[in-house]
Amino acid sequence: MQFSEKSKKRVNINVTSLIDVMFILLIFFMVTSSFIEQPGMKLELPATKSRQIARVERMVVYINQEGQMFLNDKPVEPGNLAEEIKALLPYSEQKTLILKADKQAEHGLVVEVMDIAKQNGLEKLVIGTKVKTE
């Protein structure tokens, strides 16, 4: 007597869609994570409810409560800011200036910096704020 053996079916799991999902999650976390360390300077930035994330460029102007101005952690006078911006402009891909002014900083000085930035070839001005917590 001959017994017929049942053929064993091999189970195939298609992991292509799983790999696609993992790849998309990896891209999402890489894009939303910020690996750039901000320089240390005590500023009390104004708070806003709306926000837009901007990529940090080579030009960041800080204005503290006393009215002192720093361009990338280097002290700079308002009269010399135009020359410093022109010197850094060739190294900036997007020609962007990020302005982080203390909320107690003089409004006129902030406007002056904005004007100097526009007059010297910068195409985009980003105002640094912090998220308002309620």
Foldseek 3Di string as FASTA:
>chain_A
DDDDDDDDDDDDDDCPVVVVVVVVVVVVCVVPDDPDDDDDDDAAFAADADDDDDDDWQWEWEAHLVRFIDTNNHTDDLVCPLVVLLVCQVVTPQLEYEYTYHPNHDPVSVVSVVVSSVVNDRDYYHYDHHHDDD
